[in-house]
N, C-alpha and C. Protein backbone atom coordinates (compact mmCIF):
# COMPACT_ATOMS: atom_id res chain seq x y z
N MET A 1 0.83 -1.18 0.00
CA MET A 1 0.00 0.00 0.00
C MET A 1 0.88 1.25 0.00
N SER A 2 0.65 2.07 -0.97
CA SER A 2 1.47 3.26 -1.16
C SER A 2 0.77 4.50 -0.61
N HIS A 3 1.53 5.34 0.05
CA HIS A 3 0.98 6.59 0.57
C HIS A 3 1.22 7.71 -0.45
N PRO A 4 0.26 8.63 -0.60
CA PRO A 4 0.50 9.74 -1.52
C PRO A 4 1.64 10.62 -1.01
N PRO A 5 2.41 11.21 -1.92
CA PRO A 5 3.53 12.05 -1.48
C PRO A 5 3.02 13.26 -0.70
N LYS A 6 3.81 13.65 0.28
CA LYS A 6 3.46 14.85 1.07
C LYS A 6 3.71 16.08 0.23
N PRO A 7 2.82 17.08 0.35
CA PRO A 7 3.05 18.32 -0.41
C PRO A 7 4.31 19.01 0.10
N ALA A 8 4.99 19.65 -0.81
CA ALA A 8 6.21 20.37 -0.45
C ALA A 8 5.86 21.52 0.48
N ALA A 9 6.76 21.80 1.41
CA ALA A 9 6.55 22.92 2.33
C ALA A 9 6.57 24.21 1.52
N PRO A 10 5.66 25.14 1.82
CA PRO A 10 5.67 26.40 1.08
C PRO A 10 6.95 27.18 1.35
N GLU A 11 7.43 27.85 0.31
CA GLU A 11 8.64 28.65 0.48
C GLU A 11 8.33 29.82 1.40
N LYS A 12 9.30 30.14 2.23
CA LYS A 12 9.12 31.24 3.16
C LYS A 12 9.20 32.55 2.39
N ALA A 13 8.19 33.39 2.58
CA ALA A 13 8.19 34.70 1.93
C ALA A 13 9.26 35.56 2.58
N PRO A 14 9.93 36.41 1.80
CA PRO A 14 10.95 37.27 2.40
C PRO A 14 10.32 38.20 3.43
N ASP A 15 11.05 38.42 4.51
CA ASP A 15 10.61 39.32 5.56
C ASP A 15 10.52 40.73 4.97
N LYS A 16 9.45 41.47 5.31
CA LYS A 16 9.28 42.82 4.76
C LYS A 16 10.44 43.73 5.12
N THR A 17 11.06 43.51 6.28
CA THR A 17 12.19 44.35 6.66
C THR A 17 13.39 44.11 5.75
N GLU A 18 13.44 42.92 5.12
CA GLU A 18 14.53 42.64 4.18
C GLU A 18 14.35 43.39 2.87
N LEU A 19 13.11 43.80 2.57
CA LEU A 19 12.83 44.45 1.30
C LEU A 19 12.95 45.97 1.39
N ARG A 20 12.93 46.51 2.61
CA ARG A 20 12.99 47.97 2.77
C ARG A 20 14.41 48.48 2.62
N ARG A 21 14.51 49.66 2.06
CA ARG A 21 15.80 50.33 1.95
C ARG A 21 16.15 50.90 3.31
N ARG A 22 17.39 50.78 3.75
CA ARG A 22 17.82 51.30 5.04
C ARG A 22 18.82 52.43 4.82
N ILE A 23 18.57 53.55 5.51
CA ILE A 23 19.46 54.71 5.45
C ILE A 23 19.92 55.00 6.87
N HIS A 24 21.20 55.07 7.08
CA HIS A 24 21.73 55.39 8.41
C HIS A 24 21.45 56.85 8.74
N SER A 25 21.11 57.10 9.97
CA SER A 25 20.76 58.46 10.39
C SER A 25 21.91 59.43 10.15
N GLU A 26 23.14 58.96 10.25
CA GLU A 26 24.29 59.85 10.01
C GLU A 26 24.26 60.42 8.60
N HIS A 27 23.76 59.63 7.64
CA HIS A 27 23.68 60.11 6.26
C HIS A 27 22.60 61.17 6.09
N LEU A 28 21.53 61.06 6.86
CA LEU A 28 20.47 62.07 6.80
C LEU A 28 20.88 63.34 7.54
N LEU A 29 21.46 63.16 8.72
CA LEU A 29 21.74 64.31 9.58
C LEU A 29 23.04 65.04 9.23
N CYS A 30 24.00 64.35 8.65
CA CYS A 30 25.30 64.95 8.25
C CYS A 30 25.91 65.77 9.37
N GLY A 31 25.94 65.23 10.58
CA GLY A 31 26.57 65.90 11.71
C GLY A 31 25.68 66.90 12.44
N GLU A 32 24.50 67.16 11.93
CA GLU A 32 23.57 68.09 12.58
C GLU A 32 22.73 67.34 13.60
N SER A 33 22.12 68.08 14.53
CA SER A 33 21.24 67.44 15.49
C SER A 33 19.77 67.57 15.08
N THR A 34 19.47 68.44 14.12
CA THR A 34 18.11 68.59 13.60
C THR A 34 18.16 68.84 12.10
N ILE A 35 17.15 68.30 11.42
CA ILE A 35 16.97 68.60 9.99
C ILE A 35 15.49 68.77 9.73
N GLU A 36 15.17 69.49 8.66
CA GLU A 36 13.79 69.62 8.22
C GLU A 36 13.56 68.67 7.05
N ILE A 37 12.42 68.01 7.08
CA ILE A 37 12.05 67.09 6.01
C ILE A 37 10.73 67.58 5.43
N GLU A 38 10.70 67.82 4.12
CA GLU A 38 9.46 68.24 3.48
C GLU A 38 8.80 67.01 2.87
N HIS A 39 7.49 66.87 3.16
CA HIS A 39 6.73 65.74 2.65
C HIS A 39 5.30 66.19 2.38
N ALA A 40 4.85 66.02 1.16
CA ALA A 40 3.48 66.35 0.76
C ALA A 40 3.11 67.78 1.14
N GLY A 41 4.04 68.69 0.94
CA GLY A 41 3.78 70.10 1.21
C GLY A 41 3.85 70.48 2.68
N GLN A 42 4.19 69.53 3.55
CA GLN A 42 4.30 69.78 4.98
C GLN A 42 5.77 69.71 5.38
N CYS A 43 6.13 70.49 6.41
CA CYS A 43 7.50 70.50 6.90
C CYS A 43 7.54 69.77 8.24
N TYR A 44 8.45 68.82 8.37
CA TYR A 44 8.64 68.04 9.59
C TYR A 44 10.04 68.29 10.11
N LEU A 45 10.21 68.18 11.42
CA LEU A 45 11.50 68.36 12.05
C LEU A 45 11.95 67.02 12.63
N LEU A 46 13.11 66.56 12.19
CA LEU A 46 13.72 65.35 12.73
C LEU A 46 14.86 65.79 13.62
N ARG A 47 14.82 65.37 14.89
CA ARG A 47 15.89 65.78 15.80
C ARG A 47 16.37 64.62 16.64
N VAL A 48 17.61 64.75 17.11
CA VAL A 48 18.23 63.77 17.99
C VAL A 48 18.14 64.31 19.41
N THR A 49 17.65 63.49 20.33
CA THR A 49 17.51 63.91 21.73
C THR A 49 18.84 63.73 22.47
N ARG A 50 18.86 64.21 23.71
CA ARG A 50 20.06 64.03 24.54
C ARG A 50 20.33 62.55 24.81
N GLU A 51 19.28 61.73 24.76
CA GLU A 51 19.43 60.29 24.97
C GLU A 51 19.75 59.55 23.67
N ASN A 52 20.04 60.30 22.62
CA ASN A 52 20.39 59.76 21.30
C ASN A 52 19.24 59.00 20.64
N LYS A 53 18.02 59.47 20.87
CA LYS A 53 16.83 58.93 20.22
C LYS A 53 16.41 59.91 19.13
N LEU A 54 15.63 59.42 18.16
CA LEU A 54 15.12 60.29 17.10
C LEU A 54 13.67 60.63 17.37
N ILE A 55 13.33 61.92 17.14
CA ILE A 55 11.95 62.37 17.25
C ILE A 55 11.60 63.12 15.97
N LEU A 56 10.45 62.77 15.39
CA LEU A 56 9.94 63.44 14.19
C LEU A 56 8.67 64.17 14.59
N THR A 57 8.67 65.50 14.40
CA THR A 57 7.51 66.30 14.73
C THR A 57 7.08 67.13 13.53
N LYS A 58 5.82 67.51 13.53
CA LYS A 58 5.25 68.32 12.44
C LYS A 58 5.35 69.78 12.81
């Protein structure tokens, strides 16, 4: 008595984080602690805190 073959395991889809482009903050900030980013006609402020965290505000 023969058993039917098991279906092949589905291929793992690439993780979405693997598909995103990564830019280091040093390349955006170029030594500054704040920069302005324009998006869809709005101006945002990206800044580095004293604790070395990033904050984006409108």
